[in-house]
Amino acid sequence: MKEQFRFIRFVLVPLLTFTFVSLGYILSLTDEYGQQFVRTEPFKILVDIGTSVIYTLICSEISLRLFVWLQQHFPIETKLKKLILSHLFLTAFIWIDVFTLSQLLIYGYDTQEKVYLIKTNILFALVVAIGMNAVQVGMLLFERWREQLQETEELKRVSLEAQNEALKQQIDPHFLFNSLNTLTALIEEEPRLATKFVKELSNVYRYVLQSKDTSLIPLEDELTFIRAYLYLHELRFGDNLRVTIDTAEASEHLGLPPLALQLCVENVVKHNIISKRQPLSLKIYATEHTITVSNALQIKRTPPTSTNLGLRNIRHRYSLLTPLPVEVQQTENTFSVTLPLLPLKYEENERTQSAQMKTESSMEELAV
């Protein structure tokens, strides 16, 4: 698309300008003054054609950048009609004014020659202005349609990939082996606790399956799930895993991509030592608009095989919903991941803003 737009700007527009201005002179042969002018002033005709080409290139670039600037005030997703009308008016105004001024400077004032040249080309200036407006709006709408189609497919793919990754981690033989060993011990020693263990294990799997078609999940639902998930690990590790959850400061009606917290917690358990000698502290806490998973850094001497899909998937899924970043911080003693909390209607509103930002970025790239 970028190469096609450059072709239109720097090849097609000058070629059309040359063609239309030349046709204007050919048509002027039906006019007595036009016939005389063509015969007696061939050099001025060439200068006029060359000037028109240069003028068209300059005005088309101004028009393009004007279109990018207007989008800041009239987003294409919500104010398309105002964007088109304001761009059309300003573009036509600029084209006609610049054209008239250039003709007056070149051919003087109050002469029959000046009137003739302006009359010959003024309609062309207006037609090109309208044409450039149509081309820019049309190409941008097509580009946005294609981007939105790709984003929809990408969001579905990444969401499914994240769900599959979570299921892989939970159905991992080591996870099942440890869970079943814990369950076996509980059945013999504490049957009531074993019943609760099975209930929480079923909650974990139920949540994974129920949230597979959702882009954002309420924070309260995600925390209910993560407590069930952590309960399984707390039974496995006992007091060696010390979990603190504090989300009192989080605003209501906020959410995050499903299983985002689970992937963060799974990374903590997977990569850190958890033992009597080195109990692991894990904190989950929220501010008004973020939630953070933080842990003491106790990296295993023999790190498990990692594909780094966890954090990469989280970042990728957030990037499709919002420009807000996922922050990862590591110090000598701690490791933390901070996730933005998004309004549950954020997906619709913010995707519009994100689309606007991408549109402006696309147009700025096209203008380069």
Protein backbone atom coordinates (compact mmCIF):
# COMPACT_ATOMS: atom_id res chain seq x y z
CA MET A 1 0.00 0.00 0.00
CA LYS A 2 2.82 2.40 0.87
CA GLU A 3 4.57 1.80 -2.47
CA GLN A 4 1.27 2.17 -4.35
CA PHE A 5 0.62 5.51 -2.64
CA ARG A 6 4.09 6.75 -3.55
CA PHE A 7 3.42 5.79 -7.15
CA ILE A 8 0.19 7.81 -7.10
CA ARG A 9 1.89 10.84 -5.47
CA PHE A 10 5.08 11.04 -7.48
CA VAL A 11 4.21 9.39 -10.82
CA LEU A 12 0.47 9.31 -11.46
CA VAL A 13 -0.34 12.83 -10.15
CA PRO A 14 2.38 14.58 -12.27
CA LEU A 15 1.39 12.47 -15.29
CA LEU A 16 -2.28 13.38 -14.90
CA THR A 17 -1.35 17.02 -14.43
CA PHE A 18 0.66 17.03 -17.65
CA THR A 19 -2.18 15.26 -19.50
CA PHE A 20 -4.98 17.52 -18.26
CA VAL A 21 -3.11 20.79 -18.84
CA SER A 22 -2.09 19.62 -22.31
CA LEU A 23 -5.70 18.69 -23.06
CA GLY A 24 -6.73 22.13 -21.84
CA TYR A 25 -4.53 23.73 -24.48
CA ILE A 26 -5.75 21.33 -27.17
CA LEU A 27 -9.36 22.18 -26.31
CA SER A 28 -8.49 25.87 -26.34
CA LEU A 29 -7.82 25.64 -30.09
CA THR A 30 -11.58 26.11 -30.51
CA ASP A 31 -11.12 29.61 -29.06
CA GLU A 32 -9.71 32.34 -31.31
CA TYR A 33 -7.45 33.73 -28.62
CA GLY A 34 -6.39 30.21 -27.70
CA GLN A 35 -5.33 29.45 -31.27
CA GLN A 36 -3.30 32.65 -31.41
CA PHE A 37 -1.71 32.00 -28.01
CA VAL A 38 -0.69 28.44 -28.90
CA ARG A 39 0.93 29.64 -32.13
CA THR A 40 2.78 32.62 -30.68
CA GLU A 41 3.69 31.52 -27.13
CA PRO A 42 4.93 27.88 -27.19
CA PHE A 43 7.60 28.60 -24.56
CA LYS A 44 5.06 30.04 -22.15
CA ILE A 45 2.89 26.96 -22.67
CA LEU A 46 5.81 24.69 -21.68
CA VAL A 47 6.51 26.90 -18.65
CA ASP A 48 2.84 26.76 -17.71
CA ILE A 49 2.73 22.96 -17.98
CA GLY A 50 5.92 22.59 -15.95
CA THR A 51 4.68 25.06 -13.35
CA SER A 52 1.39 23.17 -13.10
CA VAL A 53 3.21 19.88 -12.49
CA ILE A 54 5.39 21.37 -9.74
CA TYR A 55 2.43 23.20 -8.23
CA THR A 56 0.37 19.99 -8.24
CA LEU A 57 3.12 18.04 -6.49
CA ILE A 58 3.47 20.71 -3.80
CA CYS A 59 -0.27 21.05 -3.22
CA SER A 60 -0.86 17.28 -3.16
CA GLU A 61 1.78 16.93 -0.41
CA ILE A 62 0.19 19.79 1.54
CA SER A 63 -3.18 18.10 1.08
CA LEU A 64 -1.84 14.79 2.38
CA ARG A 65 -0.32 16.33 5.50
CA LEU A 66 -3.45 18.39 6.04
CA PHE A 67 -5.43 15.14 6.01
CA VAL A 68 -3.15 13.67 8.70
CA TRP A 69 -3.52 16.80 10.83
CA LEU A 70 -7.33 16.90 10.50
CA GLN A 71 -7.60 13.35 11.83
CA GLN A 72 -6.47 14.62 15.22
CA HIS A 73 -9.69 16.65 15.38
CA PHE A 74 -12.00 14.44 13.31
CA PRO A 75 -11.18 10.73 13.88
CA ILE A 76 -12.04 8.70 10.82
CA GLU A 77 -13.84 6.08 12.94
CA THR A 78 -16.31 8.55 14.51
CA LYS A 79 -16.33 11.76 12.41
CA LEU A 80 -15.73 10.59 8.86
CA LYS A 81 -18.24 13.01 7.28
CA LYS A 82 -16.71 16.06 8.99
CA LEU A 83 -13.23 14.84 8.08
CA ILE A 84 -14.11 14.50 4.39
CA LEU A 85 -15.97 17.83 4.14
CA SER A 86 -13.36 19.85 6.04
CA HIS A 87 -10.51 18.29 4.07
CA LEU A 88 -12.32 18.84 0.78
CA PHE A 89 -13.03 22.50 1.59
CA LEU A 90 -9.51 23.29 2.82
CA THR A 91 -7.87 21.35 0.01
CA ALA A 92 -9.90 23.11 -2.68
CA PHE A 93 -9.21 26.47 -1.02
CA ILE A 94 -5.46 25.83 -0.92
CA TRP A 95 -5.27 24.45 -4.46
CA ILE A 96 -7.26 27.29 -6.04
CA ASP A 97 -5.48 30.03 -4.05
CA VAL A 98 -1.98 28.70 -4.65
CA PHE A 99 -2.74 28.12 -8.30
CA THR A 100 -4.19 31.60 -8.82
CA LEU A 101 -1.29 33.22 -6.98
CA SER A 102 1.30 31.31 -9.00
CA GLN A 103 -0.40 32.25 -12.26
CA LEU A 104 -0.60 35.91 -11.26
CA LEU A 105 3.09 35.99 -10.29
CA ILE A 106 4.15 34.36 -13.53
CA TYR A 107 1.85 36.09 -16.02
CA GLY A 108 1.21 39.44 -14.37
CA TYR A 109 -1.97 41.26 -13.48
CA ASP A 110 -4.99 42.32 -15.44
CA THR A 111 -3.98 40.89 -18.77
CA GLN A 112 -6.02 38.88 -21.23
CA GLU A 113 -3.29 36.26 -21.14
CA LYS A 114 -3.56 35.89 -17.37
CA VAL A 115 -7.35 35.58 -17.48
CA TYR A 116 -7.11 33.00 -20.24
CA LEU A 117 -4.55 30.81 -18.43
CA ILE A 118 -6.40 30.91 -15.12
CA LYS A 119 -9.70 30.13 -16.87
CA THR A 120 -8.06 27.22 -18.67
CA ASN A 121 -6.63 25.61 -15.55
CA ILE A 122 -8.81 26.64 -12.61
CA LEU A 123 -11.30 23.82 -13.17
CA PHE A 124 -8.42 21.39 -13.37
CA ALA A 125 -7.17 22.57 -9.98
CA LEU A 126 -10.59 21.97 -8.42
CA VAL A 127 -10.97 18.53 -10.03
CA VAL A 128 -7.54 17.43 -8.81
CA ALA A 129 -8.31 18.70 -5.30
CA ILE A 130 -11.51 16.64 -5.19
CA GLY A 131 -9.70 13.67 -6.73
CA MET A 132 -6.88 13.77 -4.18
CA ASN A 133 -9.42 13.95 -1.38
CA ALA A 134 -11.24 10.91 -2.75
CA VAL A 135 -7.98 8.97 -3.23
CA GLN A 136 -6.69 9.73 0.27
CA VAL A 137 -9.98 8.94 2.01
CA GLY A 138 -10.59 5.86 -0.11
CA MET A 139 -7.12 4.40 0.40
CA LEU A 140 -7.22 5.15 4.10
CA LEU A 141 -10.63 3.51 4.54
CA PHE A 142 -9.43 0.48 2.63
CA GLU A 143 -6.26 0.34 4.73
CA ARG A 144 -8.26 0.63 7.97
CA TRP A 145 -10.68 -2.08 6.83
CA ARG A 146 -7.78 -4.37 6.03
CA GLU A 147 -6.03 -3.60 9.34
CA GLN A 148 -9.22 -4.19 11.35
CA LEU A 149 -9.77 -7.49 9.56
CA GLN A 150 -6.21 -8.53 10.32
CA GLU A 151 -6.51 -7.35 13.95
CA THR A 152 -9.70 -9.36 14.44
CA GLU A 153 -8.09 -12.50 13.07
CA GLU A 154 -4.88 -11.84 15.00
CA LEU A 155 -6.77 -11.30 18.27
CA LYS A 156 -8.61 -14.59 17.79
CA ARG A 157 -5.39 -16.41 17.00
CA VAL A 158 -3.41 -14.92 19.89
CA SER A 159 -6.28 -15.49 22.33
CA LEU A 160 -6.51 -19.12 21.27
CA GLU A 161 -2.73 -19.45 21.48
CA ALA A 162 -2.75 -18.10 25.04
CA GLN A 163 -5.57 -20.44 26.03
CA ASN A 164 -3.72 -23.38 24.52
CA GLU A 165 -0.54 -22.36 26.31
CA ALA A 166 -2.38 -22.18 29.64
CA LEU A 167 -3.95 -25.59 29.03
CA LYS A 168 -0.54 -27.03 28.12
CA GLN A 169 0.94 -25.72 31.36
CA GLN A 170 -1.95 -27.05 33.45
CA ILE A 171 -2.14 -30.43 31.72
CA ASP A 172 1.63 -30.68 31.82
CA PRO A 173 2.54 -34.14 33.22
CA HIS A 174 4.48 -32.59 36.10
CA PHE A 175 1.54 -30.41 37.08
CA LEU A 176 -0.90 -33.31 36.96
CA PHE A 177 1.56 -35.63 38.70
CA ASN A 178 2.09 -33.18 41.56
CA SER A 179 -1.63 -32.40 41.81
CA LEU A 180 -2.57 -36.08 41.93
CA ASN A 181 0.12 -36.82 44.52
CA THR A 182 -1.22 -33.99 46.67
CA LEU A 183 -4.78 -35.28 46.18
CA THR A 184 -3.75 -38.84 47.12
CA ALA A 185 -2.18 -37.66 50.36
CA LEU A 186 -5.22 -35.54 51.19
CA ILE A 187 -7.64 -38.41 50.54
CA GLU A 188 -5.83 -40.55 53.10
CA GLU A 189 -5.24 -37.87 55.70
CA GLU A 190 -7.89 -35.15 55.18
CA PRO A 191 -10.82 -36.30 53.02
CA ARG A 192 -12.69 -33.01 53.45
CA LEU A 193 -9.68 -31.06 52.23
CA ALA A 194 -9.35 -33.47 49.31
CA THR A 195 -12.91 -32.67 48.30
CA LYS A 196 -12.13 -28.98 48.31
CA PHE A 197 -8.96 -29.65 46.32
CA VAL A 198 -10.94 -31.44 43.61
CA LYS A 199 -13.48 -28.61 43.58
CA GLU A 200 -10.79 -25.96 43.12
CA LEU A 201 -9.08 -28.05 40.44
CA SER A 202 -12.37 -28.27 38.53
CA ASN A 203 -12.82 -24.49 38.95
CA VAL A 204 -9.46 -23.93 37.32
CA TYR A 205 -10.35 -25.96 34.25
CA ARG A 206 -13.89 -24.59 34.05
CA TYR A 207 -12.61 -21.01 34.05
CA VAL A 208 -10.11 -21.76 31.29
CA LEU A 209 -12.81 -23.23 29.08
CA GLN A 210 -15.42 -20.55 29.83
CA SER A 211 -13.09 -17.62 29.17
CA LYS A 212 -11.71 -18.87 25.85
CA ASP A 213 -13.98 -16.61 23.77
CA THR A 214 -13.51 -13.44 25.86
CA SER A 215 -11.03 -10.64 25.19
CA LEU A 216 -11.48 -8.98 28.61
CA ILE A 217 -12.60 -10.56 31.87
CA PRO A 218 -13.69 -8.69 35.04
CA LEU A 219 -10.86 -8.37 37.57
CA GLU A 220 -13.05 -9.97 40.24
CA ASP A 221 -13.55 -13.10 38.09
CA GLU A 222 -9.83 -13.33 37.32
CA LEU A 223 -8.99 -13.03 41.03
CA THR A 224 -11.51 -15.75 41.92
CA PHE A 225 -9.82 -17.99 39.40
CA ILE A 226 -6.30 -17.13 40.51
CA ARG A 227 -7.18 -17.91 44.15
CA ALA A 228 -8.39 -21.34 43.08
CA TYR A 229 -5.25 -21.81 41.03
CA LEU A 230 -2.98 -20.68 43.87
CA TYR A 231 -4.85 -22.92 46.31
CA LEU A 232 -3.60 -25.96 44.39
CA HIS A 233 -0.03 -24.72 44.65
CA GLU A 234 -0.38 -23.79 48.32
CA LEU A 235 -1.53 -27.34 49.11
CA ARG A 236 1.43 -28.66 47.17
CA PHE A 237 4.08 -26.38 48.71
CA GLY A 238 2.46 -25.66 52.08
CA ASP A 239 4.00 -22.75 53.99
CA ASN A 240 6.89 -22.67 51.54
CA LEU A 241 4.73 -20.59 49.18
CA ARG A 242 3.59 -17.38 50.84
CA VAL A 243 0.97 -15.51 48.87
CA THR A 244 -0.39 -12.03 49.56
CA ILE A 245 -3.26 -10.56 47.53
CA ASP A 246 -4.30 -6.93 47.95
CA THR A 247 -6.56 -5.39 45.34
CA ALA A 248 -8.53 -2.97 47.51
CA GLU A 249 -7.26 0.06 45.57
CA ALA A 250 -8.42 -1.23 42.19
CA SER A 251 -11.28 0.70 40.64
CA GLU A 252 -14.53 -1.08 39.94
CA HIS A 253 -15.61 -2.17 36.46
CA LEU A 254 -12.06 -2.98 35.41
CA GLY A 255 -10.76 -6.05 33.67
CA LEU A 256 -7.83 -7.68 31.91
CA PRO A 257 -7.24 -10.40 29.32
CA PRO A 258 -8.26 -13.80 30.76
CA LEU A 259 -5.44 -15.97 32.19
CA ALA A 260 -3.01 -13.03 32.17
CA LEU A 261 -2.49 -13.35 35.93
CA GLN A 262 -2.29 -17.13 35.69
CA LEU A 263 0.54 -16.93 33.17
CA CYS A 264 2.44 -14.53 35.44
CA VAL A 265 1.96 -16.79 38.51
CA GLU A 266 2.86 -19.89 36.51
CA ASN A 267 6.16 -18.27 35.49
CA VAL A 268 6.91 -17.48 39.13
CA VAL A 269 6.32 -21.08 40.26
CA LYS A 270 8.09 -22.54 37.25
CA HIS A 271 11.33 -20.56 37.47
CA ASN A 272 11.91 -20.05 41.21
CA ILE A 273 13.06 -22.24 44.10
CA ILE A 274 10.29 -23.06 46.60
CA SER A 275 11.53 -24.99 49.63
CA LYS A 276 11.74 -24.94 53.42
CA ARG A 277 15.15 -23.31 53.24
CA GLN A 278 13.98 -20.80 50.66
CA PRO A 279 10.27 -20.11 50.97
CA LEU A 280 8.99 -17.99 48.12
CA SER A 281 7.06 -14.77 48.68
CA LEU A 282 4.51 -13.92 46.01
CA LYS A 283 2.52 -10.69 46.06
CA ILE A 284 -0.40 -9.67 43.90
CA TYR A 285 -1.44 -6.07 44.46
CA ALA A 286 -3.38 -3.44 42.58
CA THR A 287 -3.32 0.31 42.21
CA GLU A 288 -6.25 2.21 40.75
CA HIS A 289 -5.46 1.21 37.17
CA THR A 290 -2.85 -1.59 37.33
CA ILE A 291 -2.27 -4.96 38.92
CA THR A 292 1.21 -6.30 39.71
CA VAL A 293 2.56 -9.80 40.29
CA SER A 294 5.80 -9.56 42.27
CA ASN A 295 8.02 -12.25 43.73
CA ALA A 296 11.35 -12.73 45.43
CA LEU A 297 13.94 -13.67 42.84
CA GLN A 298 15.11 -17.22 43.63
CA ILE A 299 16.02 -18.58 40.21
CA LYS A 300 16.51 -22.34 40.04
CA ARG A 301 20.07 -23.49 39.46
CA THR A 302 18.86 -25.57 36.54
CA PRO A 303 16.22 -23.40 34.88
CA PRO A 304 13.38 -25.30 33.19
CA THR A 305 13.08 -25.24 29.43
CA SER A 306 11.28 -22.04 28.49
CA THR A 307 9.79 -20.81 25.22
CA ASN A 308 9.11 -17.32 26.69
CA LEU A 309 5.58 -17.60 25.32
CA GLY A 310 3.96 -16.45 28.57
CA LEU A 311 5.05 -12.80 28.71
CA ARG A 312 5.20 -12.56 24.95
CA ASN A 313 1.58 -13.64 24.63
CA ILE A 314 0.48 -11.22 27.36
CA ARG A 315 2.25 -8.31 25.67
CA HIS A 316 0.90 -9.25 22.28
CA ARG A 317 -2.69 -9.52 23.50
CA TYR A 318 -2.46 -6.17 25.29
CA SER A 319 -0.98 -4.54 22.19
CA LEU A 320 -4.12 -5.47 20.26
CA LEU A 321 -6.34 -3.85 22.89
CA THR A 322 -4.45 -0.77 24.08
CA PRO A 323 -1.26 1.29 23.65
CA LEU A 324 -0.68 0.99 27.43
CA PRO A 325 2.46 -1.08 28.09
CA VAL A 326 2.98 -4.25 30.12
CA GLU A 327 5.86 -3.36 32.44
CA VAL A 328 8.46 -5.94 33.50
CA GLN A 329 10.96 -4.99 36.18
CA GLN A 330 13.80 -7.06 37.60
CA THR A 331 16.10 -6.04 40.44
CA GLU A 332 18.73 -7.99 42.30
CA ASN A 333 16.13 -9.45 44.65
CA THR A 334 12.73 -9.14 42.99
CA PHE A 335 10.91 -9.69 39.73
CA SER A 336 7.58 -8.07 38.89
CA VAL A 337 5.11 -7.79 36.03
CA THR A 338 2.60 -4.91 36.00
CA LEU A 339 -0.53 -5.26 33.88
CA PRO A 340 -2.84 -2.35 32.95
CA LEU A 341 -6.43 -2.71 34.13
CA LEU A 342 -8.86 -1.73 31.41
CA PRO A 343 -12.51 -0.62 31.66
CA LEU A 344 -14.76 -3.46 30.55
CA LYS A 345 -16.04 -1.20 27.74
CA TYR A 346 -12.42 -0.39 26.96
CA GLU A 347 -12.27 -2.92 24.17
CA GLU A 348 -14.69 -0.94 22.01
CA ASN A 349 -13.57 2.59 22.93
CA GLU A 350 -9.87 1.99 23.10
CA ARG A 351 -9.73 -0.08 19.97
CA THR A 352 -11.25 2.95 18.21
CA GLN A 353 -8.53 5.20 19.68
CA SER A 354 -5.87 2.63 18.92
CA ALA A 355 -7.18 2.38 15.36
CA GLN A 356 -7.01 6.18 15.11
CA MET A 357 -3.40 6.17 16.31
CA LYS A 358 -2.52 3.44 13.83
CA THR A 359 -4.33 5.33 11.08
CA GLU A 360 -2.37 8.50 11.82
CA SER A 361 0.83 6.48 11.96
CA SER A 362 -0.01 4.79 8.65
CA MET A 363 -0.73 8.10 6.96
CA GLU A 364 2.46 9.63 8.37
CA GLU A 365 4.40 6.70 6.94
CA LEU A 366 2.66 7.12 3.61
CA ALA A 367 3.58 10.81 3.64
CA VAL A 368 7.28 10.04 4.07
